[in-house]
């Protein structure tokens, strides 16, 4: 009797279980329920999607998520996604959460008709949550285990696109997903920190190298893209900031950063910023300011998309022209910076298409971290390039950053050492002051970039004629001073003649119709240890020889050996 009773009880439980599963499976088509017995699990199938309108009945269809990229009717007020699921009781000990990797633009999510979270604001007080990843905790008290539960997602897109179009919602362990989300958020903050730390280098270079504008532009680029990285993180929403204002700041800083990098390229390669380039950059700056003051948040994303492609077009021509000219003129670092800029521009293009995928109806995976990471790589490469350019200052030497020649204090120190060496040996020393007659006029008439390029060419010609251990100094705006070891007077005269002939053969093209030639005057003196008691004595004699060479019409260079006048 007892055994029969136990069998009846076991049969009763088995019948209950079978009945439970029959009810579930026979009701699946009607309720679109999905059994969840493990996490994470993707909720792809059996969604009921509805388009809601202001003055007509909602249109609903059964769909699989994610939806295809397509434009919705203009009068859609919002979209809803509804699905039923049955969580197994073995999930009771796990904190469940719903993970929405990409929503376009704002959302609210309900579990069993109870709101569990939202990002952004629906109209009329619209705030875009575009590109922000969503993770919402599902409170245990709202979940009916081993029963039907309903999830309902409300979305609205300012670009009239489906709310869920790149990946389906996922139910998983909330703590695990939160850790992954925090890791992604930290990556934005790490990039921003790297960019801000890199600003130390251009600030230092600006202090050390007087009148150096390229470091200011580079510093502004780093600062701007650090703010872009912060704006793309969850920091604005964690701080309770207005999301539309954060999006405005991000878009404006993107424009500001690209303007800065354009000015950096022209300054770094010492190129003339022509009027057509200036007009393009001004136009781009105005478009960025319009974004900041734009009052209608609902149209902000569309305006930002237009502005993004305007930015890409203008920087393509302006920056591309600067890089082509730099390569053509064989400017140092031109190839390295060109490759870096091309790679960065391509990633910007991908970011723009990714942001404006509604324009092209492309199903691109949203990767908002790509552009901040690219800006960090560009920042590191440019910082290393600047460091290599100014490495002399780290070593304590003082060189002219334009021509690479010694500045006056370092030259005087080295010249004094050379004079001491000549006193102890049989070597002779020649000092010459070289003046480029029209350097200032060229800078005033044709622009400082042309004048600076002329001075750079002159320093290269002097380096070519002289030996590696001879000294070259940027003496003033249009003067160079050299100190060369010689054997006798004839050797000195030949050296001066070679320098003069090398300089007058320099051709300075201005445009297709104008080409300038160097008009140089050289005054030189041979060191005499009895008469030249100090550096100032021998420099004065060289200047005296220069003045004599400038006053005579027969010869453009002069070498004197006798003492002229005391200091």
Protein backbone atom coordinates (compact mmCIF):
# COMPACT_ATOMS: atom_id res chain seq x y z
CA UNK A 1 0.00 0.00 0.00
CA UNK A 2 2.76 2.37 0.92
CA UNK A 3 4.69 1.65 -2.29
CA UNK A 4 1.55 2.22 -4.38
CA UNK A 5 0.93 5.54 -2.62
CA UNK A 6 4.50 6.71 -3.36
CA UNK A 7 4.10 5.74 -6.99
CA UNK A 8 0.86 7.73 -7.19
CA UNK A 9 2.58 10.81 -5.69
CA UNK A 10 5.52 10.50 -8.13
CA UNK A 11 3.10 10.11 -11.04
CA UNK A 12 1.19 13.18 -9.89
CA UNK A 13 4.40 15.32 -9.84
CA UNK A 14 5.37 13.99 -13.26
CA UNK A 15 1.93 14.85 -14.65
CA UNK A 16 2.20 18.38 -13.15
CA UNK A 17 5.61 18.86 -14.79
CA UNK A 18 4.42 17.60 -18.15
CA UNK A 19 1.33 19.81 -17.90
CA UNK A 20 3.54 22.84 -17.06
CA UNK A 21 5.76 22.36 -20.11
CA UNK A 22 2.72 21.66 -22.32
CA UNK A 23 1.19 24.95 -21.21
CA UNK A 24 4.44 26.80 -21.84
CA UNK A 25 5.23 25.38 -25.25
CA UNK A 26 1.68 25.49 -26.53
CA UNK A 27 1.47 29.14 -25.51
CA UNK A 28 4.85 30.17 -27.00
CA UNK A 29 3.45 31.33 -30.32
CA UNK A 30 0.74 33.31 -28.58
CA UNK A 31 2.90 34.89 -25.91
CA UNK A 32 6.28 34.96 -27.79
CA UNK A 33 7.89 33.77 -24.57
CA UNK A 34 11.53 32.76 -24.36
CA UNK A 35 12.75 30.32 -21.70
CA UNK A 36 15.81 31.66 -19.88
CA UNK A 37 17.64 28.98 -17.96
CA UNK A 38 21.17 30.37 -18.24
CA UNK A 39 22.83 33.76 -18.68
CA UNK A 40 23.96 35.62 -20.63
CA UNK A 41 21.35 35.03 -23.30
CA UNK A 42 20.48 37.14 -26.32
CA UNK A 43 16.85 38.08 -26.86
CA UNK A 44 16.61 37.94 -30.64
CA UNK A 45 13.35 36.29 -31.63
CA UNK A 46 9.61 36.86 -31.25
CA UNK A 47 9.56 40.59 -30.54
CA UNK A 48 6.46 42.62 -31.16
CA UNK A 49 7.55 46.02 -32.49
CA UNK A 50 5.12 48.91 -32.73
CA UNK A 51 5.37 52.33 -34.34
CA UNK A 52 3.34 54.92 -32.42
CA UNK A 53 1.92 58.04 -34.04
CA UNK A 54 0.30 61.23 -32.77
CA UNK A 55 -2.98 60.98 -34.68
CA UNK A 56 -3.32 57.38 -35.85
CA UNK A 57 -3.31 53.89 -34.47
CA UNK A 58 -0.02 52.14 -33.78
CA UNK A 59 1.36 49.77 -36.41
CA UNK A 60 2.68 46.52 -34.88
CA UNK A 61 4.60 43.62 -36.38
CA UNK A 62 6.42 40.53 -35.15
CA UNK A 63 10.14 40.91 -35.79
CA UNK A 64 13.55 39.56 -35.02
CA UNK A 65 16.14 41.90 -33.48
CA UNK A 66 18.23 43.75 -34.38
CA UNK A 67 16.19 45.51 -37.05
CA UNK A 68 17.61 46.48 -40.41
CA UNK A 69 18.72 50.06 -40.86
CA UNK A 70 15.86 51.94 -42.46
CA UNK A 71 14.10 55.29 -42.18
CA UNK A 72 10.85 55.39 -40.23
CA UNK A 73 7.89 57.64 -41.10
CA UNK A 74 8.39 61.28 -40.10
CA UNK A 75 5.35 61.39 -37.76
CA UNK A 76 6.47 58.51 -35.49
CA UNK A 77 6.43 59.68 -31.86
CA UNK A 78 8.20 56.63 -30.46
CA UNK A 79 8.75 52.92 -30.98
CA UNK A 80 8.08 50.01 -28.60
CA UNK A 81 9.59 46.54 -28.44
CA UNK A 82 7.66 43.97 -26.37
CA UNK A 83 8.60 40.40 -25.53
CA UNK A 84 7.74 37.78 -22.93
CA UNK A 85 10.27 35.57 -21.22
CA UNK A 86 10.24 32.83 -18.56
CA UNK A 87 13.21 32.90 -16.17
CA UNK A 88 14.12 29.59 -14.56
CA UNK A 89 14.14 29.49 -10.76
CA UNK A 90 17.80 28.45 -10.78
CA UNK A 91 18.61 32.11 -11.62
CA UNK A 92 17.25 33.41 -8.32
CA UNK A 93 20.70 33.83 -6.79
CA UNK A 94 22.06 35.83 -9.75
CA UNK A 95 21.57 39.62 -9.97
CA UNK A 96 20.02 39.89 -13.44
CA UNK A 97 20.43 42.88 -15.70
CA UNK A 98 19.50 43.82 -19.23
CA UNK A 99 22.30 44.97 -21.50
CA UNK A 100 21.51 47.22 -24.49
CA UNK A 101 24.78 47.86 -26.37
CA UNK A 102 23.34 50.43 -28.79
CA UNK A 103 20.09 52.37 -28.75
CA UNK A 104 19.15 55.13 -31.17
CA UNK A 105 18.67 57.71 -29.42
CA UNK A 106 16.75 57.53 -26.12
CA UNK A 107 15.03 54.72 -24.28
CA UNK A 108 12.89 53.64 -21.34
CA UNK A 109 12.66 50.03 -20.29
CA UNK A 110 9.91 48.31 -18.30
CA UNK A 111 9.81 44.89 -16.65
CA UNK A 112 6.24 43.72 -15.92
CA UNK A 113 5.00 47.30 -16.46
CA UNK A 114 7.49 48.74 -13.91
CA UNK A 115 10.11 51.26 -15.12
CA UNK A 116 13.62 50.02 -14.30
CA UNK A 117 15.71 52.62 -16.14
CA UNK A 118 16.01 55.19 -18.90
CA UNK A 119 18.69 57.10 -20.78
CA UNK A 120 18.07 60.51 -22.32
CA UNK A 121 14.77 62.34 -22.47
CA UNK A 122 11.85 61.91 -24.84
CA UNK A 123 10.24 64.90 -26.53
CA UNK A 124 9.40 67.66 -25.79
CA UNK A 125 12.44 67.97 -23.44
CA UNK A 126 14.62 65.90 -25.74
CA UNK A 127 18.10 64.78 -24.66
CA UNK A 128 20.03 62.43 -26.93
CA UNK A 129 21.63 59.33 -25.46
CA UNK A 130 23.21 58.42 -28.80
CA UNK A 131 26.24 56.08 -28.55
CA UNK A 132 25.78 55.46 -24.80
CA UNK A 133 25.62 51.81 -23.79
CA UNK A 134 22.78 50.85 -21.44
CA UNK A 135 22.85 48.46 -18.51
CA UNK A 136 19.84 48.25 -16.21
CA UNK A 137 19.46 46.15 -13.06
CA UNK A 138 16.29 44.03 -12.96
CA UNK A 139 15.07 44.06 -9.33
CA UNK A 140 14.45 40.53 -8.03
CA UNK A 141 11.07 41.50 -6.64
CA UNK A 142 9.85 42.32 -10.16
CA UNK A 143 10.79 38.94 -11.60
CA UNK A 144 8.29 36.06 -11.60
CA UNK A 145 10.43 32.93 -11.81
CA UNK A 146 8.99 29.99 -13.76
CA UNK A 147 6.24 32.31 -14.98
CA UNK A 148 5.64 34.67 -17.85
CA UNK A 149 7.37 38.06 -17.58
CA UNK A 150 7.13 40.97 -19.97
CA UNK A 151 9.92 43.26 -21.12
CA UNK A 152 8.94 46.47 -22.89
CA UNK A 153 11.43 48.89 -24.42
CA UNK A 154 10.42 52.38 -25.58
CA UNK A 155 12.79 54.15 -27.98
CA UNK A 156 12.87 57.37 -29.97
CA UNK A 157 15.38 58.40 -32.65
CA UNK A 158 15.84 62.02 -33.69
CA UNK A 159 17.02 60.68 -37.07
CA UNK A 160 13.86 58.53 -37.57
CA UNK A 161 15.77 55.26 -37.34
CA UNK A 162 14.88 52.01 -35.58
CA UNK A 163 15.83 52.09 -31.92
CA UNK A 164 17.52 48.66 -31.89
CA UNK A 165 19.42 48.16 -35.14
CA UNK A 166 22.92 46.83 -34.43
CA UNK A 167 22.57 44.23 -31.64
CA UNK A 168 19.76 42.54 -29.73
CA UNK A 169 19.17 43.05 -25.97
CA UNK A 170 20.98 40.66 -23.65
CA UNK A 171 19.91 39.40 -20.23
CA UNK A 172 22.92 38.49 -18.12
CA UNK A 173 24.69 38.79 -14.79
CA UNK A 174 24.42 42.47 -13.90
CA UNK A 175 27.71 42.55 -11.99
CA UNK A 176 29.63 40.91 -14.84
CA UNK A 177 28.20 43.28 -17.43
CA UNK A 178 28.77 46.26 -15.12
CA UNK A 179 32.44 45.31 -14.79
CA UNK A 180 32.75 45.15 -18.59
CA UNK A 181 30.98 48.51 -18.98
CA UNK A 182 33.23 50.13 -16.38
CA UNK A 183 36.27 48.77 -18.21
CA UNK A 184 35.10 50.45 -21.41
CA UNK A 185 34.38 53.67 -19.53
CA UNK A 186 37.84 53.61 -17.94
CA UNK A 187 39.40 53.30 -21.40
CA UNK A 188 37.91 56.71 -22.32
CA UNK A 189 39.24 58.26 -19.13
CA UNK A 190 42.67 56.67 -19.65
CA UNK A 191 42.85 58.14 -23.16
CA UNK A 192 41.80 61.56 -21.82
CA UNK A 193 44.46 61.31 -19.09
CA UNK A 194 47.15 60.38 -21.64
CA UNK A 195 46.23 63.33 -23.85
CA UNK A 196 46.24 65.74 -20.90
CA UNK A 197 49.62 64.41 -19.70
CA UNK A 198 51.05 64.88 -23.18
CA UNK A 199 50.20 68.60 -22.98
CA UNK A 200 53.14 68.92 -20.55
CA UNK A 201 55.57 68.52 -23.47
CA UNK A 202 54.27 71.31 -25.75
CA UNK A 203 53.93 73.63 -22.75
CA UNK A 204 57.58 72.97 -21.85
CA UNK A 205 58.73 73.46 -25.45
CA UNK A 206 56.78 76.72 -25.69
CA UNK A 207 58.50 78.05 -22.57
CA UNK A 208 61.97 76.97 -23.70
CA UNK A 209 61.70 77.88 -27.40
CA UNK A 210 60.53 81.48 -27.53
CA UNK A 211 58.04 82.46 -30.21
CA UNK A 212 57.17 78.87 -31.02
CA UNK A 213 53.52 78.72 -32.13
CA UNK A 214 53.34 75.09 -33.25
CA UNK A 215 53.49 73.85 -29.66
CA UNK A 216 50.49 76.03 -28.73
CA UNK A 217 48.41 74.55 -31.54
CA UNK A 218 49.45 71.02 -30.60
CA UNK A 219 48.58 71.64 -26.95
CA UNK A 220 45.09 72.85 -27.97
CA UNK A 221 44.62 69.71 -30.10
CA UNK A 222 45.48 67.47 -27.15
CA UNK A 223 43.19 69.37 -24.80
CA UNK A 224 40.28 69.34 -27.26
CA UNK A 225 40.42 65.60 -27.94
CA UNK A 226 40.77 64.81 -24.24
CA UNK A 227 37.38 66.52 -23.75
CA UNK A 228 35.97 64.57 -26.72
CA UNK A 229 37.04 61.34 -25.02
CA UNK A 230 35.43 62.39 -21.73
CA UNK A 231 32.20 63.40 -23.52
CA UNK A 232 31.95 59.94 -25.12
CA UNK A 233 32.33 58.18 -21.78
CA UNK A 234 29.61 57.67 -19.15
CA UNK A 235 31.01 60.58 -17.14
CA UNK A 236 28.35 63.12 -18.31
CA UNK A 237 25.48 60.79 -17.37
CA UNK A 238 27.16 59.80 -14.09
CA UNK A 239 27.48 63.50 -13.20
CA UNK A 240 23.88 64.17 -14.16
CA UNK A 241 24.84 66.58 -16.96
CA UNK A 242 22.55 67.54 -19.80
CA UNK A 243 23.34 64.97 -22.51
CA UNK A 244 22.53 67.34 -25.37
CA UNK A 245 25.00 69.88 -23.95
CA UNK A 246 27.63 67.16 -23.65
CA UNK A 247 27.03 66.19 -27.29
CA UNK A 248 27.37 69.86 -28.31
CA UNK A 249 30.67 70.12 -26.45
CA UNK A 250 31.96 66.93 -28.07
CA UNK A 251 31.08 68.13 -31.58
CA UNK A 252 32.56 71.58 -31.01
CA UNK A 253 35.77 70.21 -29.51
CA UNK A 254 36.13 67.90 -32.48
CA UNK A 255 36.05 70.95 -34.77
CA UNK A 256 38.36 72.91 -32.46
CA UNK A 257 40.86 70.05 -32.31
CA UNK A 258 40.98 69.66 -36.09
CA UNK A 259 41.42 73.43 -36.54
CA UNK A 260 44.34 73.26 -34.11
CA UNK A 261 46.00 70.38 -35.96
CA UNK A 262 45.66 72.27 -39.27
CA UNK A 263 47.40 75.33 -37.83
CA UNK A 264 50.00 73.04 -36.24
CA UNK A 265 50.91 71.55 -39.63
CA UNK A 266 51.43 74.94 -41.27
CA UNK A 267 53.47 76.20 -38.33
CA UNK A 268 55.51 73.02 -37.87
CA UNK A 269 56.56 72.87 -41.52
CA UNK A 270 56.90 76.66 -41.69
CA UNK A 271 54.42 77.01 -44.57
CA UNK A 272 52.43 80.03 -45.67
CA UNK A 273 48.75 79.88 -44.71
CA UNK A 274 47.16 81.18 -47.88
CA UNK A 275 43.85 83.01 -47.97
CA UNK A 276 41.90 80.08 -49.39
CA UNK A 277 43.05 77.86 -46.50
CA UNK A 278 42.30 80.60 -43.98
CA UNK A 279 38.79 81.04 -45.41
CA UNK A 280 38.11 77.31 -45.14
CA UNK A 281 39.29 77.18 -41.52
CA UNK A 282 37.22 80.27 -40.62
CA UNK A 283 34.14 78.66 -42.19
CA UNK A 284 34.76 75.47 -40.22
CA UNK A 285 35.15 77.44 -36.99
CA UNK A 286 31.86 79.25 -37.60
CA UNK A 287 30.07 75.94 -38.18
CA UNK A 288 31.44 74.72 -34.83
CA UNK A 289 30.14 77.82 -33.07
CA UNK A 290 26.70 77.29 -34.64
CA UNK A 291 26.62 73.85 -33.00
CA UNK A 292 27.25 75.40 -29.58
CA UNK A 293 24.42 77.97 -29.83
CA UNK A 294 21.94 75.72 -31.69
CA UNK A 295 18.73 75.78 -29.59
CA UNK A 296 16.82 72.77 -31.00
CA UNK A 297 18.11 69.56 -29.46
CA UNK A 298 15.88 67.42 -31.67
CA UNK A 299 17.83 68.51 -34.79
CA UNK A 300 21.23 68.66 -33.12
CA UNK A 301 22.41 65.25 -34.27
CA UNK A 302 21.51 65.95 -37.91
CA UNK A 303 23.40 69.26 -37.73
CA UNK A 304 26.39 67.50 -36.14
CA UNK A 305 26.45 64.94 -38.98
CA UNK A 306 26.53 67.71 -41.60
CA UNK A 307 29.23 69.51 -39.64
CA UNK A 308 31.30 66.31 -39.37
CA UNK A 309 31.40 65.81 -43.15
CA UNK A 310 32.13 69.51 -43.65
CA UNK A 311 35.07 69.09 -41.25
CA UNK A 312 36.34 66.06 -43.18
CA UNK A 313 36.09 67.87 -46.52
CA UNK A 314 37.86 71.06 -45.41
CA UNK A 315 40.62 69.29 -43.48
CA UNK A 316 41.15 66.92 -46.42
CA UNK A 317 42.03 69.85 -48.70
CA UNK A 318 43.75 72.12 -46.16
CA UNK A 319 45.79 69.51 -44.29
CA UNK A 320 46.36 67.50 -47.45
CA UNK A 321 47.75 70.57 -49.21
CA UNK A 322 50.05 71.31 -46.27
CA UNK A 323 51.41 67.74 -46.26
CA UNK A 324 51.90 67.65 -50.04
CA UNK A 325 53.81 70.96 -49.96
CA UNK A 326 55.93 69.77 -47.01
CA UNK A 327 56.84 66.56 -48.85
CA UNK A 328 57.56 68.49 -52.06
CA UNK A 329 59.86 70.87 -50.18
CA UNK A 330 61.48 67.90 -48.43
CA UNK A 331 60.74 69.21 -44.96
CA UNK A 332 62.01 67.08 -42.13
CA UNK A 333 59.45 64.70 -40.53
CA UNK A 334 57.05 65.28 -43.48
CA UNK A 335 56.65 61.58 -44.25
CA UNK A 336 56.11 60.50 -40.63
CA UNK A 337 53.50 63.17 -39.96
CA UNK A 338 51.80 62.55 -43.32
CA UNK A 339 51.33 58.83 -42.64
CA UNK A 340 49.99 59.59 -39.15
CA UNK A 341 47.57 62.23 -40.44
CA UNK A 342 46.28 60.00 -43.26
CA UNK A 343 45.60 57.17 -40.81
CA UNK A 344 43.85 59.54 -38.41
CA UNK A 345 41.72 61.06 -41.20
CA UNK A 346 40.58 57.61 -42.39
CA UNK A 347 39.47 56.73 -38.86
CA UNK A 348 37.66 60.06 -38.63
CA UNK A 349 35.85 59.19 -41.86
CA UNK A 350 34.78 55.83 -40.41
CA UNK A 351 33.62 57.57 -37.23
CA UNK A 352 31.58 60.05 -39.28
CA UNK A 353 29.91 57.28 -41.32
CA UNK A 354 29.30 55.33 -38.10
CA UNK A 355 27.65 58.39 -36.53
CA UNK A 356 25.59 59.12 -39.64
CA UNK A 357 24.71 55.55 -40.62
CA UNK A 358 21.16 56.70 -41.25
CA UNK A 359 22.34 58.74 -44.24
CA UNK A 360 23.83 55.68 -45.91
CA UNK A 361 21.57 52.98 -44.42
CA UNK A 362 24.61 50.94 -43.45
CA UNK A 363 24.57 48.45 -40.58
CA UNK A 364 27.84 49.52 -38.97
CA UNK A 365 28.81 48.40 -35.50
CA UNK A 366 29.04 51.48 -33.29
CA UNK A 367 32.62 51.78 -32.03
CA UNK A 368 32.81 55.19 -30.34
CA UNK A 369 36.17 54.37 -28.69
CA UNK A 370 37.95 54.18 -32.03
CA UNK A 371 38.33 57.93 -32.56
CA UNK A 372 39.63 58.77 -29.04
CA UNK A 373 42.15 55.92 -29.30
CA UNK A 374 43.27 57.24 -32.71
CA UNK A 375 43.72 60.74 -31.24
CA UNK A 376 45.92 59.26 -28.49
CA UNK A 377 48.11 57.54 -31.10
CA UNK A 378 48.39 60.78 -33.10
CA UNK A 379 49.24 62.65 -29.89
CA UNK A 380 52.02 60.21 -28.98
CA UNK A 381 53.54 60.26 -32.49
CA UNK A 382 53.49 64.06 -32.71
CA UNK A 383 54.94 64.36 -29.19
CA UNK A 384 57.82 62.05 -30.10
CA UNK A 385 58.38 64.06 -33.29
CA UNK A 386 58.50 67.35 -31.38
CA UNK A 387 60.81 65.80 -28.78
CA UNK A 388 63.19 64.65 -31.50
CA UNK A 389 63.06 68.12 -33.06
CA UNK A 390 63.91 69.85 -29.79
CA UNK A 391 66.25 67.26 -28.31
CA UNK A 392 69.05 69.87 -28.19
CA UNK A 393 67.25 71.67 -25.39
CA UNK A 394 67.12 68.53 -23.26
CA UNK A 395 70.89 68.17 -23.59
CA UNK A 396 71.50 71.72 -22.40
CA UNK A 397 72.72 73.03 -25.77
CA UNK A 398 71.20 76.14 -27.30
CA UNK A 399 70.41 75.84 -30.99
CA UNK A 400 68.23 77.93 -33.23
CA UNK A 401 65.07 75.86 -33.78
CA UNK A 402 64.63 77.20 -37.33
CA UNK A 403 68.09 76.73 -38.84
CA UNK A 404 69.63 74.22 -36.42
CA UNK A 405 72.68 76.47 -35.93
CA UNK A 406 74.15 77.68 -32.63
CA UNK A 407 72.67 80.69 -30.90
CA UNK A 408 74.95 83.54 -29.76
CA UNK A 409 75.66 82.44 -26.13
CA UNK A 410 76.61 78.91 -27.12
CA UNK A 411 78.60 80.18 -30.12
CA UNK A 412 80.59 82.65 -27.99
CA UNK A 413 81.40 79.87 -25.52
CA UNK A 414 82.56 77.52 -28.27
CA UNK A 415 84.50 80.30 -30.04
CA UNK A 416 86.34 81.11 -26.81
CA UNK A 417 87.34 77.45 -26.54
CA UNK A 418 88.57 77.47 -30.15
CA UNK A 419 90.66 80.58 -29.49
CA UNK A 420 92.26 78.85 -26.48
CA UNK A 421 92.98 75.81 -28.63
CA UNK A 422 94.68 77.96 -31.31
CA UNK A 423 96.90 79.54 -28.68
CA UNK A 424 98.16 76.10 -27.70
CA UNK A 425 98.69 74.86 -31.26
CA UNK A 426 99.81 76.05 -34.67
CA UNK A 427 96.25 76.13 -36.08
CA UNK A 428 94.70 79.34 -37.38
CA UNK A 429 91.12 80.45 -37.04
CA UNK A 430 88.96 82.51 -39.37
CA UNK A 431 85.85 84.35 -38.20
CA UNK A 432 83.31 85.56 -40.76
CA UNK A 433 79.99 87.40 -40.52
CA UNK A 434 77.60 86.59 -43.39
CA UNK A 435 74.72 88.97 -44.08
CA UNK A 436 71.79 88.11 -46.35
CA UNK A 437 70.91 91.52 -47.70
CA UNK A 438 67.25 90.99 -48.66
CA UNK A 439 66.11 88.56 -45.92
CA UNK A 440 63.88 91.07 -44.12
CA UNK A 441 62.37 92.41 -47.33
CA UNK A 442 61.49 88.91 -48.53
CA UNK A 443 59.73 88.17 -45.23
CA UNK A 444 57.78 91.44 -45.35
CA UNK A 445 56.83 91.22 -49.03
CA UNK A 446 56.23 87.49 -49.50
CA UNK A 447 55.50 86.21 -45.99
CA UNK A 448 57.56 84.92 -43.10
CA UNK A 449 57.36 81.32 -44.29
CA UNK A 450 59.27 82.29 -47.48
CA UNK A 451 61.80 84.28 -45.45
CA UNK A 452 62.28 81.47 -42.94
CA UNK A 453 62.75 78.95 -45.72
CA UNK A 454 65.45 81.20 -47.22
CA UNK A 455 67.33 81.29 -43.88
CA UNK A 456 67.04 77.51 -43.57
CA UNK A 457 68.47 77.09 -47.08
CA UNK A 458 71.35 79.44 -46.26
CA UNK A 459 72.23 77.47 -43.12
CA UNK A 460 72.16 74.25 -45.13
CA UNK A 461 74.51 75.78 -47.72
CA UNK A 462 76.93 76.92 -45.01
CA UNK A 463 76.87 73.45 -43.47
CA UNK A 464 77.58 71.97 -46.89
CA UNK A 465 80.68 74.14 -47.48
CA UNK A 466 82.17 73.98 -43.99
CA UNK A 467 83.54 70.98 -42.15
CA UNK A 468 81.64 69.20 -39.36
CA UNK A 469 83.82 70.69 -36.61
CA UNK A 470 83.50 74.29 -37.85
CA UNK A 471 81.02 76.53 -36.01
CA UNK A 472 77.92 78.17 -37.48
CA UNK A 473 75.79 80.66 -35.54
CA UNK A 474 72.45 82.35 -36.22
CA UNK A 475 73.76 85.79 -35.36
CA UNK A 476 70.66 87.91 -36.00
CA UNK A 477 67.55 87.98 -38.18
CA UNK A 478 69.62 88.19 -41.37
CA UNK A 479 73.18 87.40 -40.24
CA UNK A 480 75.18 84.24 -39.65
CA UNK A 481 78.59 84.01 -38.02
CA UNK A 482 81.06 81.20 -38.73
CA UNK A 483 84.37 80.07 -37.19
CA UNK A 484 86.50 77.80 -39.38
CA UNK A 485 89.92 76.26 -38.78
CA UNK A 486 92.40 77.21 -41.56
CA UNK A 487 96.07 76.67 -42.43
CA UNK A 488 96.96 80.09 -43.85
CA UNK A 489 95.51 83.22 -45.46
CA UNK A 490 95.15 81.59 -48.85
CA UNK A 491 93.12 78.81 -47.26
CA UNK A 492 90.90 81.44 -45.63
CA UNK A 493 90.34 83.30 -48.91
CA UNK A 494 89.38 80.09 -50.69
CA UNK A 495 86.96 79.21 -47.90
CA UNK A 496 85.26 82.63 -48.10
CA UNK A 497 85.05 82.38 -51.88
CA UNK A 498 83.42 78.93 -51.70
CA UNK A 499 80.87 80.21 -49.17
CA UNK A 500 80.03 83.23 -51.33
CA UNK A 501 79.64 81.20 -54.53
CA UNK A 502 77.44 78.64 -52.76
CA UNK A 503 75.17 81.37 -51.40
CA UNK A 504 74.68 83.33 -54.64
CA UNK A 505 73.71 80.08 -56.40
CA UNK A 506 70.72 79.63 -54.09
CA UNK A 507 67.43 79.98 -55.95
CA UNK A 508 64.35 80.93 -53.94
CA UNK A 509 61.16 80.29 -55.96
CA UNK A 510 58.21 82.43 -54.84
CA UNK A 511 55.68 81.35 -57.45
CA UNK A 512 55.60 80.35 -61.10
CA UNK A 513 56.56 83.87 -62.19
CA UNK A 514 58.89 85.14 -59.43
CA UNK A 515 62.21 83.62 -58.35
CA UNK A 516 64.66 85.36 -56.03
CA UNK A 517 68.39 84.96 -55.65
CA UNK A 518 70.55 85.52 -52.56
CA UNK A 519 72.46 88.76 -52.27
CA UNK A 520 75.14 88.10 -49.63
CA UNK A 521 77.95 90.20 -48.08
CA UNK A 522 80.74 88.59 -46.06
CA UNK A 523 83.27 90.19 -43.74
CA UNK A 524 85.99 87.99 -42.25
CA UNK A 525 89.10 88.23 -40.11
CA UNK A 526 91.91 85.86 -39.16
CA UNK A 527 92.41 85.35 -35.44
CA UNK A 528 95.50 87.04 -33.94
CA UNK A 529 96.19 85.98 -30.37
CA UNK A 530 98.09 89.21 -29.56
CA UNK A 531 95.41 91.56 -30.89
CA UNK A 532 92.23 89.58 -30.29
CA UNK A 533 92.23 89.25 -26.52
CA UNK A 534 88.57 88.26 -26.26
CA UNK A 535 85.65 87.04 -28.35
CA UNK A 536 84.18 90.54 -28.58
CA UNK A 537 87.46 91.82 -30.13
CA UNK A 538 87.46 89.35 -33.00
CA UNK A 539 83.68 89.71 -33.59
CA UNK A 540 84.13 93.48 -33.81
CA UNK A 541 86.84 93.08 -36.43
CA UNK A 542 84.63 90.72 -38.44
CA UNK A 543 81.78 93.25 -38.32
CA UNK A 544 84.22 95.97 -39.42
CA UNK A 545 85.21 93.82 -42.42
CA UNK A 546 81.51 93.30 -43.20
CA UNK A 547 80.84 97.04 -43.19
CA UNK A 548 83.80 97.58 -45.56
CA UNK A 549 82.51 94.83 -47.89
CA UNK A 550 79.04 96.44 -47.93
CA UNK A 551 80.48 99.86 -48.75
CA UNK A 552 82.59 98.75 -51.69
CA UNK A 553 81.06 97.91 -55.03
CA UNK A 554 83.85 95.79 -56.51
CA UNK A 555 83.68 92.80 -54.19
CA UNK A 556 80.97 91.29 -52.00
CA UNK A 557 83.33 89.67 -49.48
CA UNK A 558 86.43 90.92 -47.65
CA UNK A 559 89.12 89.29 -45.53
CA UNK A 560 91.26 91.40 -43.20
CA UNK A 561 94.15 90.26 -41.08
CA UNK A 562 95.37 93.40 -39.34
CA UNK A 563 94.05 94.88 -36.14
CA UNK A 564 91.48 97.60 -36.85
CA UNK A 565 90.32 99.32 -33.66
CA UNK A 566 90.16 98.54 -29.95
CA UNK A 567 86.99 97.73 -28.10
